[in-house]
Amino acid sequence: MDTAHFNSLSLDELWMFHQQVTARLTQKLLVQKAHLEERLHRIGLAENATRFDRKRRPYPPVRAKYRNPTNPSETWSGRGRLPRWLQPQLQGGRKLDDFLIERASVQKR
């Protein structure tokens, strides 16, 4: 279309044209979406039958590496955020190595 044609239209005519274009685009998009959903359903990738619904592989449990000396039941593997019991200890000047759990293999060496 010519831009000269748009320049000659009044504001009301342009607004009406905008509304017609928007309505037509909405209609075409809905038809296209329905067509694509029908194709997905035919090839078996519909909402309930996705191939990507796999479970994550199981990871082995991670052993605790650090222990709270005041409460030995509180341990930390060294992954993720620092536990609440460890933060004030480190801020107080202690080192992370002070909380290491002694392993049997380390004790034998």
PDB file of N, CA and C in Angstrom:
ATOM      1  N   MET A   1       0.832  -1.188   0.000  1.00  0.00           N
ATOM      2  CA  MET A   1       0.000   0.000   0.000  1.00  0.00           C
ATOM      3  C   MET A   1       0.871   1.244   0.000  1.00  0.00           C
ATOM      4  N   ASP A   2       0.338   2.296  -0.570  1.00  0.00           N
ATOM      5  CA  ASP A   2       1.054   3.563  -0.625  1.00  0.00           C
ATOM      6  C   ASP A   2       1.018   4.257   0.727  1.00  0.00           C
ATOM      7  N   THR A   3       2.137   4.850   1.107  1.00  0.00           N
ATOM      8  CA  THR A   3       2.138   5.660   2.321  1.00  0.00           C
ATOM      9  C   THR A   3       1.372   6.956   2.080  1.00  0.00           C
ATOM     10  N   ALA A   4       1.292   7.362   0.830  1.00  0.00           N
ATOM     11  CA  ALA A   4       0.522   8.563   0.514  1.00  0.00           C
ATOM     12  C   ALA A   4      -0.950   8.340   0.840  1.00  0.00           C
ATOM     13  N   HIS A   5      -1.434   7.113   0.633  1.00  0.00           N
ATOM     14  CA  HIS A   5      -2.817   6.798   0.942  1.00  0.00           C
ATOM     15  C   HIS A   5      -3.052   6.937   2.456  1.00  0.00           C
ATOM     16  N   PHE A   6      -2.104   6.459   3.269  1.00  0.00           N
ATOM     17  CA  PHE A   6      -2.246   6.587   4.713  1.00  0.00           C
ATOM     18  C   PHE A   6      -2.147   8.040   5.165  1.00  0.00           C
ATOM     19  N   ASN A   7      -1.313   8.801   4.516  1.00  0.00           N
ATOM     20  CA  ASN A   7      -1.163  10.209   4.867  1.00  0.00           C
ATOM     21  C   ASN A   7      -2.436  10.996   4.579  1.00  0.00           C
ATOM     22  N   SER A   8      -3.221  10.527   3.613  1.00  0.00           N
ATOM     23  CA  SER A   8      -4.441  11.255   3.260  1.00  0.00           C
ATOM     24  C   SER A   8      -5.614  10.890   4.162  1.00  0.00           C
ATOM     25  N   LEU A   9      -5.498   9.834   4.960  1.00  0.00           N
ATOM     26  CA  LEU A   9      -6.600   9.418   5.830  1.00  0.00           C
ATOM     27  C   LEU A   9      -6.659  10.281   7.086  1.00  0.00           C
ATOM     28  N   SER A  10      -7.865  10.462   7.597  1.00  0.00           N
ATOM     29  CA  SER A  10      -8.038  11.218   8.836  1.00  0.00           C
ATOM     30  C   SER A  10      -7.687  10.308  10.016  1.00  0.00           C
ATOM     31  N   LEU A  11      -7.626  10.883  11.187  1.00  0.00           N
ATOM     32  CA  LEU A  11      -7.291  10.126  12.385  1.00  0.00           C
ATOM     33  C   LEU A  11      -8.354   9.063  12.661  1.00  0.00           C
ATOM     34  N   ASP A  12      -9.612   9.400  12.497  1.00  0.00           N
ATOM     35  CA  ASP A  12     -10.685   8.424  12.717  1.00  0.00           C
ATOM     36  C   ASP A  12     -10.608   7.279  11.716  1.00  0.00           C
ATOM     37  N   GLU A  13     -10.302   7.592  10.472  1.00  0.00           N
ATOM     38  CA  GLU A  13     -10.183   6.540   9.457  1.00  0.00           C
ATOM     39  C   GLU A  13      -8.983   5.635   9.745  1.00  0.00           C
ATOM     40  N   LEU A  14      -7.884   6.220  10.189  1.00  0.00           N
ATOM     41  CA  LEU A  14      -6.711   5.419  10.553  1.00  0.00           C
ATOM     42  C   LEU A  14      -7.015   4.519  11.742  1.00  0.00           C
ATOM     43  N   TRP A  15      -7.761   5.043  12.721  1.00  0.00           N
ATOM     44  CA  TRP A  15      -8.105   4.243  13.885  1.00  0.00           C
ATOM     45  C   TRP A  15      -9.000   3.066  13.490  1.00  0.00           C
ATOM     46  N   MET A  16      -9.961   3.307  12.607  1.00  0.00           N
ATOM     47  CA  MET A  16     -10.836   2.234  12.121  1.00  0.00           C
ATOM     48  C   MET A  16     -10.010   1.186  11.379  1.00  0.00           C
ATOM     49  N   PHE A  17      -9.055   1.639  10.565  1.00  0.00           N
ATOM     50  CA  PHE A  17      -8.190   0.722   9.824  1.00  0.00           C
ATOM     51  C   PHE A  17      -7.359  -0.120  10.807  1.00  0.00           C
ATOM     52  N   HIS A  18      -6.852   0.514  11.863  1.00  0.00           N
ATOM     53  CA  HIS A  18      -6.075  -0.183  12.889  1.00  0.00           C
ATOM     54  C   HIS A  18      -6.924  -1.268  13.555  1.00  0.00           C
ATOM     55  N   GLN A  19      -8.146  -0.950  13.905  1.00  0.00           N
ATOM     56  CA  GLN A  19      -9.024  -1.929  14.537  1.00  0.00           C
ATOM     57  C   GLN A  19      -9.335  -3.094  13.606  1.00  0.00           C
ATOM     58  N   GLN A  20      -9.519  -2.823  12.327  1.00  0.00           N
ATOM     59  CA  GLN A  20      -9.779  -3.893  11.360  1.00  0.00           C
ATOM     60  C   GLN A  20      -8.561  -4.801  11.222  1.00  0.00           C
ATOM     61  N   VAL A  21      -7.382  -4.206  11.158  1.00  0.00           N
ATOM     62  CA  VAL A  21      -6.148  -4.992  11.035  1.00  0.00           C
ATOM     63  C   VAL A  21      -5.947  -5.841  12.288  1.00  0.00           C
ATOM     64  N   THR A  22      -6.171  -5.270  13.455  1.00  0.00           N
ATOM     65  CA  THR A  22      -6.008  -6.006  14.710  1.00  0.00           C
ATOM     66  C   THR A  22      -6.978  -7.180  14.785  1.00  0.00           C
ATOM     67  N   ALA A  23      -8.222  -6.955  14.410  1.00  0.00           N
ATOM     68  CA  ALA A  23      -9.221  -8.034  14.439  1.00  0.00           C
ATOM     69  C   ALA A  23      -8.848  -9.141  13.460  1.00  0.00           C
ATOM     70  N   ARG A  24      -8.392  -8.768  12.277  1.00  0.00           N
ATOM     71  CA  ARG A  24      -8.023  -9.763  11.269  1.00  0.00           C
ATOM     72  C   ARG A  24      -6.794 -10.560  11.713  1.00  0.00           C
ATOM     73  N   LEU A  25      -5.808  -9.880  12.309  1.00  0.00           N
ATOM     74  CA  LEU A  25      -4.623 -10.573  12.814  1.00  0.00           C
ATOM     75  C   LEU A  25      -4.987 -11.540  13.936  1.00  0.00           C
ATOM     76  N   THR A  26      -5.857 -11.121  14.828  1.00  0.00           N
ATOM     77  CA  THR A  26      -6.289 -11.997  15.919  1.00  0.00           C
ATOM     78  C   THR A  26      -6.967 -13.242  15.366  1.00  0.00           C
ATOM     79  N   GLN A  27      -7.823 -13.052  14.382  1.00  0.00           N
ATOM     80  CA  GLN A  27      -8.531 -14.178  13.776  1.00  0.00           C
ATOM     81  C   GLN A  27      -7.541 -15.135  13.112  1.00  0.00           C
ATOM     82  N   LYS A  28      -6.601 -14.605  12.350  1.00  0.00           N
ATOM     83  CA  LYS A  28      -5.623 -15.452  11.674  1.00  0.00           C
ATOM     84  C   LYS A  28      -4.726 -16.190  12.667  1.00  0.00           C
ATOM     85  N   LEU A  29      -4.337 -15.522  13.750  1.00  0.00           N
ATOM     86  CA  LEU A  29      -3.500 -16.166  14.754  1.00  0.00           C
ATOM     87  C   LEU A  29      -4.243 -17.310  15.450  1.00  0.00           C
ATOM     88  N   LEU A  30      -5.515 -17.123  15.729  1.00  0.00           N
ATOM     89  CA  LEU A  30      -6.295 -18.182  16.356  1.00  0.00           C
ATOM     90  C   LEU A  30      -6.436 -19.394  15.433  1.00  0.00           C
ATOM     91  N   VAL A  31      -6.642 -19.140  14.149  1.00  0.00           N
ATOM     92  CA  VAL A  31      -6.737 -20.235  13.179  1.00  0.00           C
ATOM     93  C   VAL A  31      -5.397 -20.967  13.096  1.00  0.00           C
ATOM     94  N   GLN A  32      -4.305 -20.213  13.043  1.00  0.00           N
ATOM     95  CA  GLN A  32      -2.967 -20.809  12.972  1.00  0.00           C
ATOM     96  C   GLN A  32      -2.674 -21.628  14.221  1.00  0.00           C
ATOM     97  N   LYS A  33      -3.045 -21.111  15.406  1.00  0.00           N
ATOM     98  CA  LYS A  33      -2.813 -21.825  16.657  1.00  0.00           C
ATOM     99  C   LYS A  33      -3.601 -23.127  16.684  1.00  0.00           C
ATOM    100  N   ALA A  34      -4.853 -23.093  16.248  1.00  0.00           N
ATOM    101  CA  ALA A  34      -5.673 -24.308  16.230  1.00  0.00           C
ATOM    102  C   ALA A  34      -5.072 -25.336  15.277  1.00  0.00           C
ATOM    103  N   HIS A  35      -4.566 -24.870  14.141  1.00  0.00           N
ATOM    104  CA  HIS A  35      -3.940 -25.773  13.167  1.00  0.00           C
ATOM    105  C   HIS A  35      -2.692 -26.429  13.764  1.00  0.00           C
ATOM    106  N   LEU A  36      -1.857 -25.646  14.446  1.00  0.00           N
ATOM    107  CA  LEU A  36      -0.638 -26.192  15.054  1.00  0.00           C
ATOM    108  C   LEU A  36      -0.948 -27.149  16.197  1.00  0.00           C
ATOM    109  N   GLU A  37      -1.953 -26.838  17.014  1.00  0.00           N
ATOM    110  CA  GLU A  37      -2.333 -27.741  18.093  1.00  0.00           C
ATOM    111  C   GLU A  37      -2.856 -29.061  17.543  1.00  0.00           C
ATOM    112  N   GLU A  38      -3.580 -28.995  16.436  1.00  0.00           N
ATOM    113  CA  GLU A  38      -4.092 -30.218  15.807  1.00  0.00           C
ATOM    114  C   GLU A  38      -2.930 -31.060  15.287  1.00  0.00           C
ATOM    115  N   ARG A  39      -1.913 -30.418  14.708  1.00  0.00           N
ATOM    116  CA  ARG A  39      -0.732 -31.141  14.232  1.00  0.00           C
ATOM    117  C   ARG A  39       0.029 -31.776  15.385  1.00  0.00           C
ATOM    118  N   LEU A  40       0.171 -31.037  16.491  1.00  0.00           N
ATOM    119  CA  LEU A  40       0.833 -31.590  17.670  1.00  0.00           C
ATOM    120  C   LEU A  40       0.078 -32.799  18.201  1.00  0.00           C
ATOM    121  N   HIS A  41      -1.221 -32.706  18.212  1.00  0.00           N
ATOM    122  CA  HIS A  41      -2.028 -33.819  18.698  1.00  0.00           C
ATOM    123  C   HIS A  41      -1.852 -35.044  17.797  1.00  0.00           C
ATOM    124  N   ARG A  42      -1.755 -34.804  16.491  1.00  0.00           N
ATOM    125  CA  ARG A  42      -1.582 -35.919  15.547  1.00  0.00           C
ATOM    126  C   ARG A  42      -0.239 -36.618  15.735  1.00  0.00           C
ATOM    127  N   ILE A  43       0.807 -35.874  16.018  1.00  0.00           N
ATOM    128  CA  ILE A  43       2.117 -36.509  16.158  1.00  0.00           C
ATOM    129  C   ILE A  43       2.394 -36.943  17.596  1.00  0.00           C
ATOM    130  N   GLY A  44       1.433 -36.751  18.492  1.00  0.00           N
ATOM    131  CA  GLY A  44       1.562 -37.269  19.845  1.00  0.00           C
ATOM    132  C   GLY A  44       2.250 -36.359  20.820  1.00  0.00           C
ATOM    133  N   LEU A  45       2.334 -35.100  20.526  1.00  0.00           N
ATOM    134  CA  LEU A  45       2.968 -34.162  21.452  1.00  0.00           C
ATOM    135  C   LEU A  45       1.947 -33.216  22.064  1.00  0.00           C
ATOM    136  N   ALA A  46       0.741 -33.698  22.245  1.00  0.00           N
ATOM    137  CA  ALA A  46      -0.294 -32.862  22.847  1.00  0.00           C
ATOM    138  C   ALA A  46       0.048 -32.595  24.306  1.00  0.00           C
ATOM    139  N   GLU A  47      -0.754 -31.802  24.966  1.00  0.00           N
ATOM    140  CA  GLU A  47      -0.471 -31.344  26.327  1.00  0.00           C
ATOM    141  C   GLU A  47      -0.162 -32.494  27.282  1.00  0.00           C
ATOM    142  N   ASN A  48      -0.914 -33.569  27.228  1.00  0.00           N
ATOM    143  CA  ASN A  48      -0.741 -34.652  28.194  1.00  0.00           C
ATOM    144  C   ASN A  48       0.254 -35.708  27.751  1.00  0.00           C
ATOM    145  N   ALA A  49       0.702 -35.660  26.521  1.00  0.00           N
ATOM    146  CA  ALA A  49       1.566 -36.723  26.003  1.00  0.00           C
ATOM    147  C   ALA A  49       2.901 -36.163  25.523  1.00  0.00           C
ATOM    148  N   THR A  50       3.574 -35.404  26.358  1.00  0.00           N
ATOM    149  CA  THR A  50       4.851 -34.834  25.941  1.00  0.00           C
ATOM    150  C   THR A  50       5.975 -35.842  26.117  1.00  0.00           C
ATOM    151  N   ARG A  51       6.904 -35.816  25.207  1.00  0.00           N
ATOM    152  CA  ARG A  51       8.070 -36.693  25.290  1.00  0.00           C
ATOM    153  C   ARG A  51       9.044 -36.196  26.342  1.00  0.00           C
ATOM    154  N   PHE A  52       8.934 -34.940  26.715  1.00  0.00           N
ATOM    155  CA  PHE A  52       9.905 -34.322  27.599  1.00  0.00           C
ATOM    156  C   PHE A  52       9.487 -34.419  29.057  1.00  0.00           C
ATOM    157  N   ASP A  53       8.654 -35.383  29.387  1.00  0.00           N
ATOM    158  CA  ASP A  53       8.161 -35.558  30.741  1.00  0.00           C
ATOM    159  C   ASP A  53       9.004 -36.584  31.484  1.00  0.00           C
ATOM    160  N   ARG A  54      10.304 -36.526  31.276  1.00  0.00           N
ATOM    161  CA  ARG A  54      11.203 -37.486  31.906  1.00  0.00           C
ATOM    162  C   ARG A  54      11.521 -37.047  33.322  1.00  0.00           C
ATOM    163  N   LYS A  55      11.822 -38.033  34.159  1.00  0.00           N
ATOM    164  CA  LYS A  55      12.268 -37.733  35.506  1.00  0.00           C
ATOM    165  C   LYS A  55      13.770 -37.501  35.477  1.00  0.00           C
ATOM    166  N   ARG A  56      14.237 -36.729  36.438  1.00  0.00           N
ATOM    167  CA  ARG A  56      15.669 -36.485  36.537  1.00  0.00           C
ATOM    168  C   ARG A  56      16.362 -37.746  37.002  1.00  0.00           C
ATOM    169  N   ARG A  57      17.595 -37.911  36.589  1.00  0.00           N
ATOM    170  CA  ARG A  57      18.326 -39.097  37.007  1.00  0.00           C
ATOM    171  C   ARG A  57      18.638 -38.969  38.489  1.00  0.00           C
ATOM    172  N   PRO A  58      18.644 -40.069  39.204  1.00  0.00           N
ATOM    173  CA  PRO A  58      18.920 -39.994  40.635  1.00  0.00           C
ATOM    174  C   PRO A  58      20.402 -39.719  40.877  1.00  0.00           C
ATOM    175  N   TYR A  59      20.669 -38.829  41.787  1.00  0.00           N
ATOM    176  CA  TYR A  59      22.041 -38.522  42.156  1.00  0.00           C
ATOM    177  C   TYR A  59      22.366 -39.232  43.466  1.00  0.00           C
ATOM    178  N   PRO A  60      23.594 -39.669  43.633  1.00  0.00           N
ATOM    179  CA  PRO A  60      23.946 -40.320  44.900  1.00  0.00           C
ATOM    180  C   PRO A  60      23.899 -39.300  46.029  1.00  0.00           C
ATOM    181  N   PRO A  61      23.583 -39.744  47.228  1.00  0.00           N
ATOM    182  CA  PRO A  61      23.547 -38.802  48.352  1.00  0.00           C
ATOM    183  C   PRO A  61      24.951 -38.263  48.629  1.00  0.00           C
ATOM    184  N   VAL A  62      25.014 -37.034  49.050  1.00  0.00           N
ATOM    185  CA  VAL A  62      26.284 -36.383  49.342  1.00  0.00           C
ATOM    186  C   VAL A  62      26.530 -36.484  50.846  1.00  0.00           C
ATOM    187  N   ARG A  63      27.686 -36.969  51.200  1.00  0.00           N
ATOM    188  CA  ARG A  63      28.019 -37.119  52.619  1.00  0.00           C
ATOM    189  C   ARG A  63      28.306 -35.769  53.245  1.00  0.00           C
ATOM    190  N   ALA A  64      28.043 -35.701  54.530  1.00  0.00           N
ATOM    191  CA  ALA A  64      28.321 -34.477  55.271  1.00  0.00           C
ATOM    192  C   ALA A  64      29.829 -34.282  55.393  1.00  0.00           C
ATOM    193  N   LYS A  65      30.270 -33.047  55.270  1.00  0.00           N
ATOM    194  CA  LYS A  65      31.690 -32.747  55.326  1.00  0.00           C
ATOM    195  C   LYS A  65      32.032 -31.915  56.575  1.00  0.00           C
ATOM    196  N   TYR A  66      31.034 -31.162  57.064  1.00  0.00           N
ATOM    197  CA  TYR A  66      31.252 -30.288  58.212  1.00  0.00           C
ATOM    198  C   TYR A  66      30.198 -30.589  59.280  1.00  0.00           C
ATOM    199  N   ARG A  67      30.590 -30.442  60.553  1.00  0.00           N
ATOM    200  CA  ARG A  67      29.673 -30.732  61.668  1.00  0.00           C
ATOM    201  C   ARG A  67      29.724 -29.578  62.669  1.00  0.00           C
ATOM    202  N   ASN A  68      28.570 -29.263  63.221  1.00  0.00           N
ATOM    203  CA  ASN A  68      28.464 -28.255  64.266  1.00  0.00           C
ATOM    204  C   ASN A  68      28.991 -28.857  65.568  1.00  0.00           C
ATOM    205  N   PRO A  69      30.021 -28.278  66.173  1.00  0.00           N
ATOM    206  CA  PRO A  69      30.574 -28.869  67.395  1.00  0.00           C
ATOM    207  C   PRO A  69      29.620 -28.782  68.585  1.00  0.00           C
ATOM    208  N   THR A  70      28.758 -27.795  68.620  1.00  0.00           N
ATOM    209  CA  THR A  70      27.822 -27.674  69.751  1.00  0.00           C
ATOM    210  C   THR A  70      26.613 -28.579  69.584  1.00  0.00           C
ATOM    211  N   ASN A  71      26.236 -28.902  68.351  1.00  0.00           N
ATOM    212  CA  ASN A  71      25.111 -29.801  68.098  1.00  0.00           C
ATOM    213  C   ASN A  71      25.531 -30.751  66.976  1.00  0.00           C
ATOM    214  N   PRO A  72      26.070 -31.921  67.289  1.00  0.00           N
ATOM    215  CA  PRO A  72      26.611 -32.824  66.275  1.00  0.00           C
ATOM    216  C   PRO A  72      25.582 -33.334  65.255  1.00  0.00           C
ATOM    217  N   SER A  73      24.298 -33.172  65.540  1.00  0.00           N
ATOM    218  CA  SER A  73      23.300 -33.617  64.564  1.00  0.00           C
ATOM    219  C   SER A  73      23.196 -32.643  63.388  1.00  0.00           C
ATOM    220  N   GLU A  74      23.720 -31.434  63.521  1.00  0.00           N
ATOM    221  CA  GLU A  74      23.692 -30.448  62.437  1.00  0.00           C
ATOM    222  C   GLU A  74      24.966 -30.599  61.603  1.00  0.00           C
ATOM    223  N   THR A  75      24.773 -30.992  60.356  1.00  0.00           N
ATOM    224  CA  THR A  75      25.906 -31.178  59.451  1.00  0.00           C
ATOM    225  C   THR A  75      25.659 -30.407  58.162  1.00  0.00           C
ATOM    226  N   TRP A  76      26.720 -30.298  57.373  1.00  0.00           N
ATOM    227  CA  TRP A  76      26.631 -29.607  56.090  1.00  0.00           C
ATOM    228  C   TRP A  76      27.569 -30.295  55.119  1.00  0.00           C
ATOM    229  N   SER A  77      27.107 -30.483  53.877  1.00  0.00           N
ATOM    230  CA  SER A  77      27.905 -31.182  52.869  1.00  0.00           C
ATOM    231  C   SER A  77      28.910 -30.277  52.174  1.00  0.00           C
ATOM    232  N   GLY A  78      28.796 -28.985  52.367  1.00  0.00           N
ATOM    233  CA  GLY A  78      29.701 -28.060  51.694  1.00  0.00           C
ATOM    234  C   GLY A  78      29.110 -27.523  50.405  1.00  0.00           C
ATOM    235  N   ARG A  79      27.886 -27.907  50.108  1.00  0.00           N
ATOM    236  CA  ARG A  79      27.211 -27.432  48.902  1.00  0.00           C
ATOM    237  C   ARG A  79      26.068 -26.504  49.286  1.00  0.00           C
ATOM    238  N   GLY A  80      25.781 -25.565  48.433  1.00  0.00           N
ATOM    239  CA  GLY A  80      24.666 -24.655  48.691  1.00  0.00           C
ATOM    240  C   GLY A  80      25.041 -23.560  49.671  1.00  0.00           C
ATOM    241  N   ARG A  81      24.010 -22.956  50.251  1.00  0.00           N
ATOM    242  CA  ARG A  81      24.220 -21.853  51.190  1.00  0.00           C
ATOM    243  C   ARG A  81      24.834 -22.344  52.494  1.00  0.00           C
ATOM    244  N   LEU A  82      25.539 -21.435  53.146  1.00  0.00           N
ATOM    245  CA  LEU A  82      26.094 -21.743  54.465  1.00  0.00           C
ATOM    246  C   LEU A  82      24.944 -21.937  55.442  1.00  0.00           C
ATOM    247  N   PRO A  83      25.032 -22.937  56.304  1.00  0.00           N
ATOM    248  CA  PRO A  83      23.983 -23.111  57.302  1.00  0.00           C
ATOM    249  C   PRO A  83      24.026 -22.004  58.354  1.00  0.00           C
ATOM    250  N   ARG A  84      22.911 -21.820  59.029  1.00  0.00           N
ATOM    251  CA  ARG A  84      22.811 -20.754  60.030  1.00  0.00           C
ATOM    252  C   ARG A  84      23.798 -20.927  61.169  1.00  0.00           C
ATOM    253  N   TRP A  85      24.073 -22.135  61.537  1.00  0.00           N
ATOM    254  CA  TRP A  85      24.985 -22.353  62.653  1.00  0.00           C
ATOM    255  C   TRP A  85      26.430 -22.040  62.283  1.00  0.00           C
ATOM    256  N   LEU A  86      26.756 -22.055  60.996  1.00  0.00           N
ATOM    257  CA  LEU A  86      28.139 -21.858  60.568  1.00  0.00           C
ATOM    258  C   LEU A  86      28.479 -20.389  60.324  1.00  0.00           C
ATOM    259  N   GLN A  87      27.524 -19.608  59.904  1.00  0.00           N
ATOM    260  CA  GLN A  87      27.804 -18.213  59.570  1.00  0.00           C
ATOM    261  C   GLN A  87      28.385 -17.421  60.733  1.00  0.00           C
ATOM    262  N   PRO A  88      27.773 -17.445  61.920  1.00  0.00           N
ATOM    263  CA  PRO A  88      28.371 -16.658  63.014  1.00  0.00           C
ATOM    264  C   PRO A  88      29.740 -17.175  63.436  1.00  0.00           C
ATOM    265  N   GLN A  89      29.959 -18.478  63.295  1.00  0.00           N
ATOM    266  CA  GLN A  89      31.262 -19.043  63.664  1.00  0.00           C
ATOM    267  C   GLN A  89      32.358 -18.489  62.750  1.00  0.00           C
ATOM    268  N   LEU A  90      32.059 -18.439  61.442  1.00  0.00           N
ATOM    269  CA  LEU A  90      33.046 -17.926  60.491  1.00  0.00           C
ATOM    270  C   LEU A  90      33.264 -16.432  60.671  1.00  0.00           C
ATOM    271  N   GLN A  91      32.204 -15.712  60.991  1.00  0.00           N
ATOM    272  CA  GLN A  91      32.336 -14.272  61.216  1.00  0.00           C
ATOM    273  C   GLN A  91      33.106 -13.989  62.507  1.00  0.00           C
ATOM    274  N   GLY A  92      33.076 -14.937  63.424  1.00  0.00           N
ATOM    275  CA  GLY A  92      33.806 -14.793  64.679  1.00  0.00           C
ATOM    276  C   GLY A  92      35.292 -15.072  64.542  1.00  0.00           C
ATOM    277  N   GLY A  93      35.737 -15.484  63.367  1.00  0.00           N
ATOM    278  CA  GLY A  93      37.165 -15.671  63.139  1.00  0.00           C
ATOM    279  C   GLY A  93      37.598 -17.116  62.984  1.00  0.00           C
ATOM    280  N   ARG A  94      36.714 -18.058  63.164  1.00  0.00           N
ATOM    281  CA  ARG A  94      37.101 -19.462  62.991  1.00  0.00           C
ATOM    282  C   ARG A  94      37.202 -19.787  61.512  1.00  0.00           C
ATOM    283  N   LYS A  95      37.916 -20.833  61.201  1.00  0.00           N
ATOM    284  CA  LYS A  95      38.109 -21.259  59.811  1.00  0.00           C
ATOM    285  C   LYS A  95      37.178 -22.411  59.501  1.00  0.00           C
ATOM    286  N   LEU A  96      36.870 -22.594  58.233  1.00  0.00           N
ATOM    287  CA  LEU A  96      35.980 -23.665  57.798  1.00  0.00           C
ATOM    288  C   LEU A  96      36.585 -25.031  58.111  1.00  0.00           C
ATOM    289  N   ASP A  97      37.895 -25.119  58.055  1.00  0.00           N
ATOM    290  CA  ASP A  97      38.571 -26.390  58.352  1.00  0.00           C
ATOM    291  C   ASP A  97      38.384 -26.833  59.801  1.00  0.00           C
ATOM    292  N   ASP A  98      38.030 -25.905  60.687  1.00  0.00           N
ATOM    293  CA  ASP A  98      37.805 -26.259  62.088  1.00  0.00           C
ATOM    294  C   ASP A  98      36.583 -27.158  62.258  1.00  0.00           C
ATOM    295  N   PHE A  99      35.690 -27.163  61.280  1.00  0.00           N
ATOM    296  CA  PHE A  99      34.440 -27.903  61.385  1.00  0.00           C
ATOM    297  C   PHE A  99      34.428 -29.176  60.548  1.00  0.00           C
ATOM    298  N   LEU A 100      35.574 -29.523  59.935  1.00  0.00           N
ATOM    299  CA  LEU A 100      35.643 -30.732  59.117  1.00  0.00           C
ATOM    300  C   LEU A 100      35.360 -31.978  59.953  1.00  0.00           C
ATOM    301  N   ILE A 101      34.646 -32.911  59.351  1.00  0.00           N
ATOM    302  CA  ILE A 101      34.380 -34.185  60.004  1.00  0.00           C
ATOM    303  C   ILE A 101      35.564 -35.091  59.707  1.00  0.00           C
ATOM    304  N   GLU A 102      36.118 -35.676  60.742  1.00  0.00           N
ATOM    305  CA  GLU A 102      37.256 -36.587  60.573  1.00  0.00           C
ATOM    306  C   GLU A 102      36.756 -37.869  59.921  1.00  0.00           C
ATOM    307  N   ARG A 103      37.358 -38.262  58.847  1.00  0.00           N
ATOM    308  CA  ARG A 103      36.992 -39.492  58.152  1.00  0.00           C
ATOM    309  C   ARG A 103      37.924 -40.608  58.613  1.00  0.00           C
ATOM    310  N   ALA A 104      37.449 -41.842  58.495  1.00  0.00           N
ATOM    311  CA  ALA A 104      38.269 -42.998  58.901  1.00  0.00           C
ATOM    312  C   ALA A 104      39.536 -43.068  58.057  1.00  0.00           C
ATOM    313  N   SER A 105      39.415 -42.732  56.761  1.00  0.00           N
ATOM    314  CA  SER A 105      40.595 -42.809  55.892  1.00  0.00           C
ATOM    315  C   SER A 105      41.614 -41.734  56.257  1.00  0.00           C
ATOM    316  N   VAL A 106      41.156 -40.591  56.707  1.00  0.00           N
ATOM    317  CA  VAL A 106      42.068 -39.520  57.111  1.00  0.00           C
ATOM    318  C   VAL A 106      42.763 -39.907  58.407  1.00  0.00           C
ATOM    319  N   GLN A 107      42.035 -40.556  59.319  1.00  0.00           N
ATOM    320  CA  GLN A 107      42.610 -40.934  60.599  1.00  0.00           C
ATOM    321  C   GLN A 107      43.685 -42.002  60.438  1.00  0.00           C
ATOM    322  N   LYS A 108      43.560 -42.883  59.435  1.00  0.00           N
ATOM    323  CA  LYS A 108      44.533 -43.957  59.230  1.00  0.00           C
ATOM    324  C   LYS A 108      45.853 -43.412  58.700  1.00  0.00           C
ATOM    325  N   ARG A 109      45.832 -42.303  57.995  1.00  0.00           N
ATOM    326  CA  ARG A 109      47.033 -41.756  57.375  1.00  0.00           C
ATOM    327  C   ARG A 109      47.931 -41.192  58.377  1.00  0.00           C
TER     328      ARG A 109
END
